[in-house]
Amino acid sequence: MLSRYQIESCQRLFSEGYSHFIRQTPLWKLPGQALGVACAEVWLKLEHLQTGGSFKARGMLNRLLSNPIPPSGVIVASGGNAGIATAAAAKALGVRCEVFVPEVSPPAKRAKLAALGAQVVVTGAAYSDALQACLARQQQTGALLTHAYDQPEVLVGAGTLALEIEQQGGLPDAVLVSVGGGGLIGGVAGWFEQRSRVVALEPELAPTLFRAREAGRPVDVAVSGVAADSLGAKRIGELGWQATQAHVRDALLLTDESIREAQLWLWKELKLAVEPAAALPLAALHSGRYRPRPDEKVCLIVCGANVDPASLV
């Protein structure tokens, strides 16, 4: 299990030498009424403004800084965001990067990878297929493997986001977190522990944590739907599973319709251009799947912005 000390040490590392890369993203506090929610305040952690357009930059940079990088560079499988973050970190450190993405990955994300100088390999129908191809390639080249969500350094890096929230605003009553493979919620839960209520949110069509809880262990699930490119891991990561078992009581499912409606609401009402995965926290509030108390301060992690603007209509 990761510790709060590890997260604090990672944040110091970022601030002392990499503040040009890891941004302190804004925490926007609004009255609940401004978002149509019956609670005291809604905090929007605007992590979609992070380098690479998602929270992933934190974990990927920490992974690269924590390990020797061979001449063959780094390698990762990703639906898009982890690859973009790894490619950006690799470019900042001046090392090679190879990214394996599934066919479901959006063209906009592939184009961003190429622009960052990564070698992009498109293979397989889903993230799990791209991961298997990536692992086989890593055995050939010896490149440093950066996992999208299931390495300690990745969770620790993600935990700095939660530490930043507390530094900026204090402790929220609840933190709503989108879940794919579990790297983000693992880091967030590892920092807040049970001092704030951490709520796991997944699409109905990609219920990796929800099904694991039903089975009592991580299991493979079929994944599809509007957020599959970001939340398309077919099995919850072991580290995320451990963290959620220890610190997360609630795991909720959301319809694709509610996710899409929240994504469009964020654009039309607040001019936040975000991907579907970033809209799950608002969807949980607007759909009533999460019902805050009237006096509650609820933090929504707006986790990614790698979206084609033409889709926001």
Protein backbone atom coordinates (compact mmCIF):
# COMPACT_ATOMS: atom_id res chain seq x y z
CA MET A 1 0.00 0.00 0.00
CA LEU A 2 1.26 3.46 -0.84
CA SER A 3 1.75 5.95 1.96
CA ARG A 4 1.02 9.63 2.34
CA TYR A 5 4.76 10.13 2.96
CA GLN A 6 5.51 8.75 -0.52
CA ILE A 7 3.00 11.15 -2.04
CA GLU A 8 4.48 14.12 -0.17
CA SER A 9 7.98 13.12 -1.32
CA CYS A 10 6.79 12.88 -4.92
CA GLN A 11 5.25 16.33 -4.76
CA ARG A 12 8.55 17.75 -3.44
CA LEU A 13 10.37 16.10 -6.34
CA PHE A 14 7.98 17.70 -8.80
CA SER A 15 8.16 21.15 -7.21
CA GLU A 16 11.95 21.19 -6.87
CA GLY A 17 12.84 20.27 -10.42
CA TYR A 18 9.80 19.74 -12.62
CA SER A 19 7.33 22.52 -11.88
CA HIS A 20 7.61 23.49 -15.56
CA PHE A 21 6.12 20.09 -16.44
CA ILE A 22 3.73 19.21 -13.59
CA ARG A 23 1.28 22.10 -13.25
CA GLN A 24 -0.61 23.05 -10.13
CA THR A 25 -4.06 22.92 -11.69
CA PRO A 26 -6.86 25.21 -10.47
CA LEU A 27 -9.45 24.24 -7.86
CA TRP A 28 -12.63 26.05 -8.84
CA LYS A 29 -15.14 26.42 -6.00
CA LEU A 30 -18.76 27.08 -6.94
CA PRO A 31 -22.00 27.06 -4.97
CA GLY A 32 -23.84 23.84 -5.64
CA GLN A 33 -26.73 25.80 -7.10
CA ALA A 34 -24.46 26.99 -9.94
CA LEU A 35 -24.27 23.40 -11.16
CA GLY A 36 -27.87 22.52 -10.38
CA VAL A 37 -26.87 20.50 -7.33
CA ALA A 38 -28.49 20.71 -3.89
CA CYS A 39 -25.34 21.01 -1.79
CA ALA A 40 -23.26 23.79 -0.25
CA GLU A 41 -20.32 23.76 -2.66
CA VAL A 42 -19.01 21.90 -5.66
CA TRP A 43 -15.26 22.01 -6.21
CA LEU A 44 -13.97 21.35 -9.71
CA LYS A 45 -10.37 20.16 -9.75
CA LEU A 46 -9.42 21.21 -13.28
CA GLU A 47 -6.85 18.51 -13.91
CA HIS A 48 -7.72 18.48 -17.59
CA LEU A 49 -5.40 21.51 -17.73
CA GLN A 50 -2.44 19.31 -16.73
CA THR A 51 0.46 18.71 -19.13
CA GLY A 52 -0.70 16.26 -21.77
CA GLY A 53 -4.33 17.04 -21.02
CA SER A 54 -4.86 14.65 -18.11
CA PHE A 55 -3.85 13.64 -14.59
CA LYS A 56 -1.69 10.87 -16.09
CA ALA A 57 1.31 13.19 -16.39
CA ARG A 58 1.89 12.94 -12.64
CA GLY A 59 2.22 9.18 -12.51
CA MET A 60 4.10 8.79 -15.76
CA LEU A 61 6.76 11.36 -14.88
CA ASN A 62 7.18 9.79 -11.44
CA ARG A 63 7.66 6.38 -13.04
CA LEU A 64 10.35 7.70 -15.39
CA LEU A 65 12.16 9.64 -12.67
CA SER A 66 12.15 6.66 -10.30
CA ASN A 67 13.88 4.19 -12.65
CA PRO A 68 16.93 4.03 -14.93
CA ILE A 69 15.90 4.43 -18.56
CA PRO A 70 17.74 2.20 -21.06
CA PRO A 71 18.82 3.34 -24.55
CA SER A 72 15.65 1.73 -25.96
CA GLY A 73 13.65 4.29 -23.97
CA VAL A 74 10.20 3.77 -22.54
CA ILE A 75 7.19 1.81 -23.71
CA VAL A 76 3.51 1.90 -22.74
CA ALA A 77 0.11 0.57 -23.77
CA SER A 78 -2.70 3.06 -23.49
CA GLY A 79 -6.16 4.04 -24.62
CA GLY A 80 -4.55 7.42 -25.23
CA ASN A 81 -4.03 9.50 -22.08
CA ALA A 82 -1.32 7.42 -20.40
CA GLY A 83 0.48 7.24 -23.72
CA ILE A 84 0.27 10.99 -24.21
CA ALA A 85 1.56 11.56 -20.67
CA THR A 86 4.40 9.09 -21.12
CA ALA A 87 5.33 10.59 -24.48
CA ALA A 88 5.32 14.10 -23.01
CA ALA A 89 7.48 13.01 -20.06
CA ALA A 90 9.85 11.15 -22.38
CA LYS A 91 10.19 14.21 -24.61
CA ALA A 92 10.91 16.40 -21.57
CA LEU A 93 13.64 13.98 -20.46
CA GLY A 94 14.99 13.45 -23.98
CA VAL A 95 14.35 9.70 -24.25
CA ARG A 96 12.62 7.49 -26.84
CA CYS A 97 8.99 6.46 -26.44
CA GLU A 98 6.88 3.74 -28.05
CA VAL A 99 3.11 3.68 -27.48
CA PHE A 100 0.71 0.83 -28.24
CA VAL A 101 -2.92 1.93 -28.60
CA PRO A 102 -6.07 -0.07 -29.42
CA GLU A 103 -8.22 0.58 -32.45
CA VAL A 104 -10.81 2.28 -30.22
CA SER A 105 -8.38 5.11 -29.42
CA PRO A 106 -9.58 8.39 -30.98
CA PRO A 107 -7.64 9.85 -33.93
CA ALA A 108 -7.15 13.07 -31.94
CA LYS A 109 -5.19 11.19 -29.30
CA ARG A 110 -3.10 9.34 -31.88
CA ALA A 111 -2.26 12.64 -33.57
CA LYS A 112 -1.17 14.13 -30.26
CA LEU A 113 1.09 11.14 -29.60
CA ALA A 114 2.73 11.55 -32.99
CA ALA A 115 3.19 15.28 -32.41
CA LEU A 116 5.06 14.47 -29.18
CA GLY A 117 7.50 12.34 -31.13
CA ALA A 118 6.28 8.93 -29.98
CA GLN A 119 6.29 5.88 -32.22
CA VAL A 120 2.62 4.86 -32.30
CA VAL A 121 1.52 1.26 -32.86
CA VAL A 122 -2.24 0.69 -33.35
CA THR A 123 -3.19 -2.88 -32.54
CA GLY A 124 -6.14 -4.83 -31.16
CA ALA A 125 -9.75 -4.01 -30.52
CA ALA A 126 -9.35 -3.04 -26.86
CA TYR A 127 -6.75 -1.81 -24.38
CA SER A 128 -6.04 -5.35 -23.17
CA ASP A 129 -5.01 -6.37 -26.70
CA ALA A 130 -2.67 -3.39 -27.01
CA LEU A 131 -1.19 -4.25 -23.61
CA GLN A 132 -0.34 -7.80 -24.64
CA ALA A 133 1.39 -6.55 -27.79
CA CYS A 134 3.23 -3.95 -25.73
CA LEU A 135 4.48 -6.53 -23.23
CA ALA A 136 5.77 -8.75 -26.02
CA ARG A 137 7.60 -5.80 -27.59
CA GLN A 138 9.09 -4.80 -24.22
CA GLN A 139 10.60 -8.28 -23.86
CA GLN A 140 12.36 -7.75 -27.19
CA THR A 141 13.69 -4.25 -26.58
CA GLY A 142 14.19 -4.02 -22.82
CA ALA A 143 12.53 -0.60 -22.73
CA LEU A 144 11.26 0.70 -19.42
CA LEU A 145 7.61 -0.32 -19.16
CA THR A 146 5.22 2.35 -17.96
CA HIS A 147 1.90 0.81 -17.02
CA ALA A 148 -1.19 2.95 -17.51
CA TYR A 149 -2.45 2.36 -13.97
CA ASP A 150 -0.89 -0.57 -12.05
CA GLN A 151 2.57 0.47 -10.83
CA PRO A 152 3.35 1.98 -7.41
CA GLU A 153 5.03 5.07 -8.89
CA VAL A 154 1.97 5.72 -11.04
CA LEU A 155 -0.40 5.66 -8.04
CA VAL A 156 1.94 7.80 -5.96
CA GLY A 157 2.11 10.38 -8.74
CA ALA A 158 -1.69 10.41 -9.02
CA GLY A 159 -1.85 10.90 -5.26
CA THR A 160 -0.17 14.30 -5.61
CA LEU A 161 -3.38 15.51 -7.23
CA ALA A 162 -5.27 14.73 -4.01
CA LEU A 163 -2.58 16.36 -1.87
CA GLU A 164 -2.90 19.45 -4.05
CA ILE A 165 -6.66 19.54 -3.52
CA GLU A 166 -6.19 19.56 0.24
CA GLN A 167 -3.52 22.26 0.05
CA GLN A 168 -5.75 24.44 -2.11
CA GLY A 169 -9.09 23.98 -0.39
CA GLY A 170 -8.80 21.85 2.72
CA LEU A 171 -10.65 18.57 3.10
CA PRO A 172 -13.80 18.15 0.99
CA ASP A 173 -16.61 16.05 2.39
CA ALA A 174 -16.61 13.83 -0.69
CA VAL A 175 -14.40 13.32 -3.74
CA LEU A 176 -15.95 11.83 -6.88
CA VAL A 177 -13.46 9.92 -9.03
CA SER A 178 -13.75 8.23 -12.44
CA VAL A 179 -12.35 4.68 -12.49
CA GLY A 180 -10.77 2.77 -15.34
CA GLY A 181 -7.88 0.61 -14.19
CA GLY A 182 -7.74 2.19 -10.75
CA GLY A 183 -4.58 4.30 -10.85
CA LEU A 184 -6.31 7.62 -10.16
CA ILE A 185 -8.64 6.42 -7.44
CA GLY A 186 -5.81 4.40 -5.90
CA GLY A 187 -3.69 7.51 -5.54
CA VAL A 188 -6.58 9.71 -4.41
CA ALA A 189 -7.81 7.19 -1.84
CA GLY A 190 -4.24 6.62 -0.67
CA TRP A 191 -3.93 10.32 0.18
CA PHE A 192 -7.36 11.05 1.63
CA GLU A 193 -7.65 7.61 3.24
CA GLN A 194 -10.97 7.96 5.04
CA ARG A 195 -10.67 11.62 6.00
CA SER A 196 -12.89 12.43 2.99
CA ARG A 197 -15.44 10.11 1.40
CA VAL A 198 -13.94 8.87 -1.88
CA VAL A 199 -16.59 7.67 -4.35
CA ALA A 200 -15.72 5.44 -7.32
CA LEU A 201 -17.60 6.08 -10.56
CA GLU A 202 -17.72 3.84 -13.64
CA PRO A 203 -19.76 3.59 -16.83
CA GLU A 204 -22.28 0.76 -16.86
CA LEU A 205 -20.49 -0.52 -19.96
CA ALA A 206 -17.04 -0.61 -18.29
CA PRO A 207 -17.68 -1.80 -14.70
CA THR A 208 -14.27 -3.19 -13.72
CA LEU A 209 -14.33 -2.21 -10.03
CA PHE A 210 -18.04 -2.86 -9.62
CA ARG A 211 -17.77 -6.42 -10.96
CA ALA A 212 -14.65 -7.05 -8.89
CA ARG A 213 -16.58 -6.12 -5.79
CA GLU A 214 -19.36 -8.48 -6.73
CA ALA A 215 -16.84 -11.29 -7.23
CA GLY A 216 -14.66 -10.41 -4.26
CA ARG A 217 -11.56 -10.14 -6.46
CA PRO A 218 -10.45 -8.53 -9.74
CA VAL A 219 -12.10 -10.22 -12.73
CA ASP A 220 -12.16 -9.64 -16.47
CA VAL A 221 -15.17 -7.74 -17.81
CA ALA A 222 -16.35 -6.71 -21.26
CA VAL A 223 -15.84 -2.98 -21.83
CA SER A 224 -17.40 -0.64 -24.36
CA GLY A 225 -19.28 2.64 -24.50
CA VAL A 226 -18.68 6.34 -24.69
CA ALA A 227 -15.70 6.41 -22.30
CA ALA A 228 -14.01 3.16 -23.35
CA ASP A 229 -10.92 4.92 -24.72
CA SER A 230 -10.06 6.28 -21.25
CA LEU A 231 -11.86 3.85 -18.91
CA GLY A 232 -11.49 0.72 -21.02
CA ALA A 233 -9.34 -1.49 -18.79
CA LYS A 234 -11.02 -4.90 -18.69
CA ARG A 235 -9.76 -5.67 -15.17
CA ILE A 236 -9.16 -3.40 -12.19
CA GLY A 237 -5.45 -3.15 -11.35
CA GLU A 238 -4.22 -4.99 -8.26
CA LEU A 239 -2.94 -1.79 -6.64
CA GLY A 240 -6.15 0.12 -7.30
CA TRP A 241 -8.12 -2.86 -5.98
CA GLN A 242 -6.16 -2.90 -2.74
CA ALA A 243 -6.55 0.85 -2.23
CA THR A 244 -10.28 0.82 -2.90
CA GLN A 245 -10.81 -2.15 -0.61
CA ALA A 246 -9.10 -0.23 2.18
CA HIS A 247 -10.52 3.25 1.67
CA VAL A 248 -13.48 3.37 -0.75
CA ARG A 249 -16.97 2.41 0.38
CA ASP A 250 -19.05 3.48 -2.62
CA ALA A 251 -18.77 2.26 -6.22
CA LEU A 252 -21.48 3.59 -8.53
CA LEU A 253 -22.40 2.92 -12.15
CA LEU A 254 -23.53 5.56 -14.66
CA THR A 255 -25.26 5.31 -18.01
CA ASP A 256 -23.57 6.47 -21.19
CA GLU A 257 -26.47 8.86 -21.68
CA SER A 258 -25.86 10.58 -18.33
CA ILE A 259 -22.12 10.79 -19.01
CA ARG A 260 -22.65 12.35 -22.41
CA GLU A 261 -25.20 14.83 -21.02
CA ALA A 262 -22.76 15.91 -18.31
CA GLN A 263 -19.94 16.27 -20.84
CA LEU A 264 -22.08 18.57 -22.99
CA TRP A 265 -23.30 20.49 -19.92
CA LEU A 266 -19.71 21.22 -18.87
CA TRP A 267 -19.01 22.61 -22.33
CA LYS A 268 -22.21 24.57 -22.84
CA GLU A 269 -22.54 26.01 -19.32
CA LEU A 270 -18.93 26.29 -18.10
CA LYS A 271 -16.97 26.17 -21.38
CA LEU A 272 -14.93 23.20 -20.16
CA ALA A 273 -13.97 21.00 -23.12
CA VAL A 274 -13.40 17.59 -21.54
CA GLU A 275 -13.53 13.95 -22.54
CA PRO A 276 -16.34 11.63 -21.39
CA ALA A 277 -14.23 10.13 -18.57
CA ALA A 278 -13.95 13.59 -17.00
CA ALA A 279 -17.73 14.02 -16.95
CA LEU A 280 -18.60 11.05 -14.71
CA PRO A 281 -18.41 13.05 -11.44
CA LEU A 282 -20.92 15.64 -12.67
CA ALA A 283 -23.06 12.87 -14.19
CA ALA A 284 -23.22 11.23 -10.75
CA LEU A 285 -24.64 14.45 -9.29
CA HIS A 286 -27.01 15.34 -12.14
CA SER A 287 -28.38 11.80 -12.41
CA GLY A 288 -28.92 11.48 -8.67
CA ARG A 289 -26.67 8.44 -8.40
CA TYR A 290 -24.74 10.38 -5.77
CA ARG A 291 -26.92 12.48 -3.47
CA PRO A 292 -24.92 14.91 -1.32
CA ARG A 293 -26.16 16.34 1.96
CA PRO A 294 -27.32 19.99 1.80
CA ASP A 295 -24.24 21.12 3.76
CA GLU A 296 -21.77 19.01 1.78
CA LYS A 297 -18.67 20.18 -0.08
CA VAL A 298 -18.18 17.83 -3.03
CA CYS A 299 -15.02 17.74 -5.13
CA LEU A 300 -15.25 16.59 -8.75
CA ILE A 301 -11.99 15.54 -10.40
CA VAL A 302 -12.15 16.74 -14.00
CA CYS A 303 -9.51 14.29 -15.15
CA GLY A 304 -8.92 14.75 -18.89
CA ALA A 305 -9.36 17.01 -21.91
CA ASN A 306 -8.18 14.89 -24.82
CA VAL A 307 -11.35 15.25 -26.86
CA ASP A 308 -12.16 16.30 -30.39
CA PRO A 309 -13.87 19.70 -29.98
CA ALA A 310 -16.13 18.85 -32.93
CA SER A 311 -17.76 16.18 -30.75
CA LEU A 312 -19.06 18.77 -28.28
CA VAL A 313 -22.24 19.58 -30.17
